[in-house]
Amino acid sequence: MSNKNNQINVPQAREAMDRFKMQAASEVGVNLTNGYNGHLTSREAGSVGGQMVKKMIEAYEQGLQ
């Protein structure tokens, strides 16, 4: 049984998530390309993911106000 945790639940959201990821990468100075990014170091990939989480938390907190 294959369990992929990185699948998007709403297929229409993939384009928005890709734009969000590219924006986060730009903000932390990581050069992402469309498609495979196997050239990234763990540090670079982690900084992109961390920036995405930071932005999602900020958006959630703004929604609480």
N, C-alpha and C. Protein backbone atom coordinates (compact mmCIF):
# COMPACT_ATOMS: atom_id res chain seq x y z
N MET A 1 0.84 -1.18 0.00
CA MET A 1 0.00 0.00 0.00
C MET A 1 0.89 1.25 0.00
N SER A 2 0.70 2.07 -1.00
CA SER A 2 1.51 3.29 -1.13
C SER A 2 0.80 4.46 -0.48
N ASN A 3 1.50 5.17 0.38
CA ASN A 3 0.91 6.33 1.05
C ASN A 3 1.75 7.55 0.71
N LYS A 4 1.23 8.40 -0.18
CA LYS A 4 1.95 9.62 -0.56
C LYS A 4 1.39 10.78 0.24
N ASN A 5 2.22 11.36 1.09
CA ASN A 5 1.78 12.45 1.95
C ASN A 5 1.83 13.80 1.25
N ASN A 6 2.45 13.88 0.08
CA ASN A 6 2.60 15.18 -0.56
C ASN A 6 1.57 15.41 -1.66
N GLN A 7 0.53 14.60 -1.71
CA GLN A 7 -0.51 14.81 -2.71
C GLN A 7 -1.44 15.92 -2.26
N ILE A 8 -1.87 16.72 -3.23
CA ILE A 8 -2.80 17.80 -2.94
C ILE A 8 -4.21 17.25 -2.97
N ASN A 9 -4.99 17.55 -1.93
CA ASN A 9 -6.34 17.02 -1.83
C ASN A 9 -7.29 17.61 -2.86
N VAL A 10 -7.08 18.85 -3.24
CA VAL A 10 -7.91 19.51 -4.24
C VAL A 10 -7.04 19.72 -5.47
N PRO A 11 -7.26 18.92 -6.52
CA PRO A 11 -6.38 19.01 -7.70
C PRO A 11 -6.26 20.42 -8.28
N GLN A 12 -7.31 21.22 -8.22
CA GLN A 12 -7.28 22.57 -8.76
C GLN A 12 -6.32 23.47 -7.98
N ALA A 13 -5.92 23.06 -6.82
CA ALA A 13 -5.04 23.89 -5.98
C ALA A 13 -3.56 23.74 -6.35
N ARG A 14 -3.23 22.78 -7.20
CA ARG A 14 -1.82 22.53 -7.52
C ARG A 14 -1.13 23.78 -8.09
N GLU A 15 -1.77 24.47 -9.02
CA GLU A 15 -1.16 25.65 -9.62
C GLU A 15 -0.92 26.73 -8.57
N ALA A 16 -1.88 26.94 -7.69
CA ALA A 16 -1.73 27.94 -6.63
C ALA A 16 -0.60 27.55 -5.68
N MET A 17 -0.50 26.28 -5.34
CA MET A 17 0.57 25.82 -4.45
C MET A 17 1.93 25.97 -5.12
N ASP A 18 1.99 25.70 -6.42
CA ASP A 18 3.25 25.88 -7.14
C ASP A 18 3.68 27.34 -7.13
N ARG A 19 2.72 28.26 -7.34
CA ARG A 19 3.05 29.70 -7.29
C ARG A 19 3.50 30.09 -5.89
N PHE A 20 2.81 29.57 -4.88
CA PHE A 20 3.15 29.85 -3.49
C PHE A 20 4.56 29.38 -3.17
N LYS A 21 4.90 28.18 -3.65
CA LYS A 21 6.23 27.62 -3.42
C LYS A 21 7.31 28.47 -4.10
N MET A 22 7.04 28.89 -5.33
CA MET A 22 8.01 29.72 -6.06
C MET A 22 8.20 31.07 -5.36
N GLN A 23 7.11 31.64 -4.86
CA GLN A 23 7.19 32.91 -4.13
C GLN A 23 8.02 32.75 -2.87
N ALA A 24 7.77 31.68 -2.12
CA ALA A 24 8.53 31.43 -0.89
C ALA A 24 10.00 31.23 -1.20
N ALA A 25 10.31 30.50 -2.26
CA ALA A 25 11.70 30.27 -2.64
C ALA A 25 12.38 31.58 -2.99
N SER A 26 11.67 32.43 -3.71
CA SER A 26 12.23 33.73 -4.08
C SER A 26 12.53 34.57 -2.84
N GLU A 27 11.64 34.51 -1.86
CA GLU A 27 11.81 35.31 -0.65
C GLU A 27 13.03 34.89 0.17
N VAL A 28 13.41 33.61 0.08
CA VAL A 28 14.57 33.15 0.85
C VAL A 28 15.81 32.99 -0.04
N GLY A 29 15.70 33.41 -1.30
CA GLY A 29 16.85 33.40 -2.19
C GLY A 29 17.24 32.05 -2.75
N VAL A 30 16.27 31.15 -2.89
CA VAL A 30 16.53 29.82 -3.47
C VAL A 30 16.01 29.80 -4.90
N ASN A 31 16.84 29.34 -5.82
CA ASN A 31 16.48 29.31 -7.23
C ASN A 31 15.76 28.00 -7.55
N LEU A 32 14.42 28.05 -7.60
CA LEU A 32 13.63 26.88 -7.97
C LEU A 32 13.32 26.92 -9.45
N THR A 33 13.16 25.75 -10.04
CA THR A 33 12.71 25.65 -11.41
C THR A 33 11.39 24.87 -11.40
N ASN A 34 10.62 25.00 -12.47
CA ASN A 34 9.41 24.18 -12.59
C ASN A 34 9.84 22.74 -12.81
N GLY A 35 9.19 21.82 -12.12
CA GLY A 35 9.55 20.41 -12.24
C GLY A 35 10.51 19.98 -11.16
N TYR A 36 11.40 19.10 -11.52
CA TYR A 36 12.33 18.47 -10.58
C TYR A 36 13.40 19.44 -10.12
N ASN A 37 13.64 19.48 -8.81
CA ASN A 37 14.65 20.36 -8.21
C ASN A 37 15.63 19.57 -7.36
N GLY A 38 16.09 18.45 -7.88
CA GLY A 38 17.00 17.58 -7.15
C GLY A 38 18.36 18.19 -6.84
N HIS A 39 18.66 19.31 -7.46
CA HIS A 39 19.94 19.98 -7.22
C HIS A 39 19.97 20.75 -5.91
N LEU A 40 18.81 20.94 -5.28
CA LEU A 40 18.76 21.71 -4.04
C LEU A 40 19.42 20.96 -2.89
N THR A 41 20.07 21.71 -2.03
CA THR A 41 20.60 21.10 -0.80
C THR A 41 19.44 20.93 0.18
N SER A 42 19.66 20.14 1.19
CA SER A 42 18.64 19.97 2.22
C SER A 42 18.34 21.30 2.90
N ARG A 43 19.36 22.09 3.10
CA ARG A 43 19.19 23.40 3.72
C ARG A 43 18.29 24.30 2.87
N GLU A 44 18.52 24.31 1.55
CA GLU A 44 17.71 25.14 0.67
C GLU A 44 16.26 24.67 0.65
N ALA A 45 16.07 23.37 0.49
CA ALA A 45 14.71 22.83 0.47
C ALA A 45 13.99 23.10 1.79
N GLY A 46 14.70 22.96 2.89
CA GLY A 46 14.12 23.23 4.20
C GLY A 46 13.76 24.68 4.39
N SER A 47 14.58 25.56 3.84
CA SER A 47 14.27 26.99 3.99
C SER A 47 13.03 27.36 3.19
N VAL A 48 12.82 26.73 2.05
CA VAL A 48 11.61 27.00 1.26
C VAL A 48 10.39 26.49 2.03
N GLY A 49 10.46 25.27 2.52
CA GLY A 49 9.35 24.71 3.30
C GLY A 49 9.07 25.52 4.55
N GLY A 50 10.11 25.95 5.22
CA GLY A 50 9.95 26.76 6.43
C GLY A 50 9.29 28.09 6.13
N GLN A 51 9.67 28.70 5.01
CA GLN A 51 9.07 29.98 4.62
C GLN A 51 7.59 29.79 4.29
N MET A 52 7.26 28.67 3.65
CA MET A 52 5.86 28.39 3.32
C MET A 52 5.04 28.24 4.61
N VAL A 53 5.57 27.52 5.57
CA VAL A 53 4.86 27.34 6.84
C VAL A 53 4.70 28.68 7.56
N LYS A 54 5.76 29.48 7.57
CA LYS A 54 5.70 30.80 8.20
C LYS A 54 4.57 31.63 7.59
N LYS A 55 4.49 31.64 6.24
CA LYS A 55 3.46 32.41 5.56
C LYS A 55 2.06 31.88 5.86
N MET A 56 1.91 30.55 5.94
CA MET A 56 0.61 29.97 6.26
C MET A 56 0.18 30.32 7.67
N ILE A 57 1.10 30.32 8.61
CA ILE A 57 0.78 30.69 9.99
C ILE A 57 0.40 32.16 10.06
N GLU A 58 1.13 33.02 9.36
CA GLU A 58 0.79 34.45 9.33
C GLU A 58 -0.61 34.66 8.77
N ALA A 59 -0.95 33.95 7.68
CA ALA A 59 -2.28 34.09 7.08
C ALA A 59 -3.35 33.62 8.04
N TYR A 60 -3.10 32.53 8.75
CA TYR A 60 -4.06 32.02 9.72
C TYR A 60 -4.27 33.02 10.85
N GLU A 61 -3.18 33.58 11.35
CA GLU A 61 -3.28 34.54 12.44
C GLU A 61 -4.04 35.79 12.00
N GLN A 62 -3.82 36.22 10.75
CA GLN A 62 -4.55 37.38 10.23
C GLN A 62 -6.05 37.06 10.16
N GLY A 63 -6.39 35.82 9.85
CA GLY A 63 -7.78 35.42 9.78
C GLY A 63 -8.45 35.39 11.15
N LEU A 64 -7.68 35.28 12.20
CA LEU A 64 -8.24 35.26 13.55
C LEU A 64 -8.57 36.67 14.05
N GLN A 65 -7.99 37.67 13.44
CA GLN A 65 -8.19 39.04 13.92
C GLN A 65 -9.45 39.64 13.36
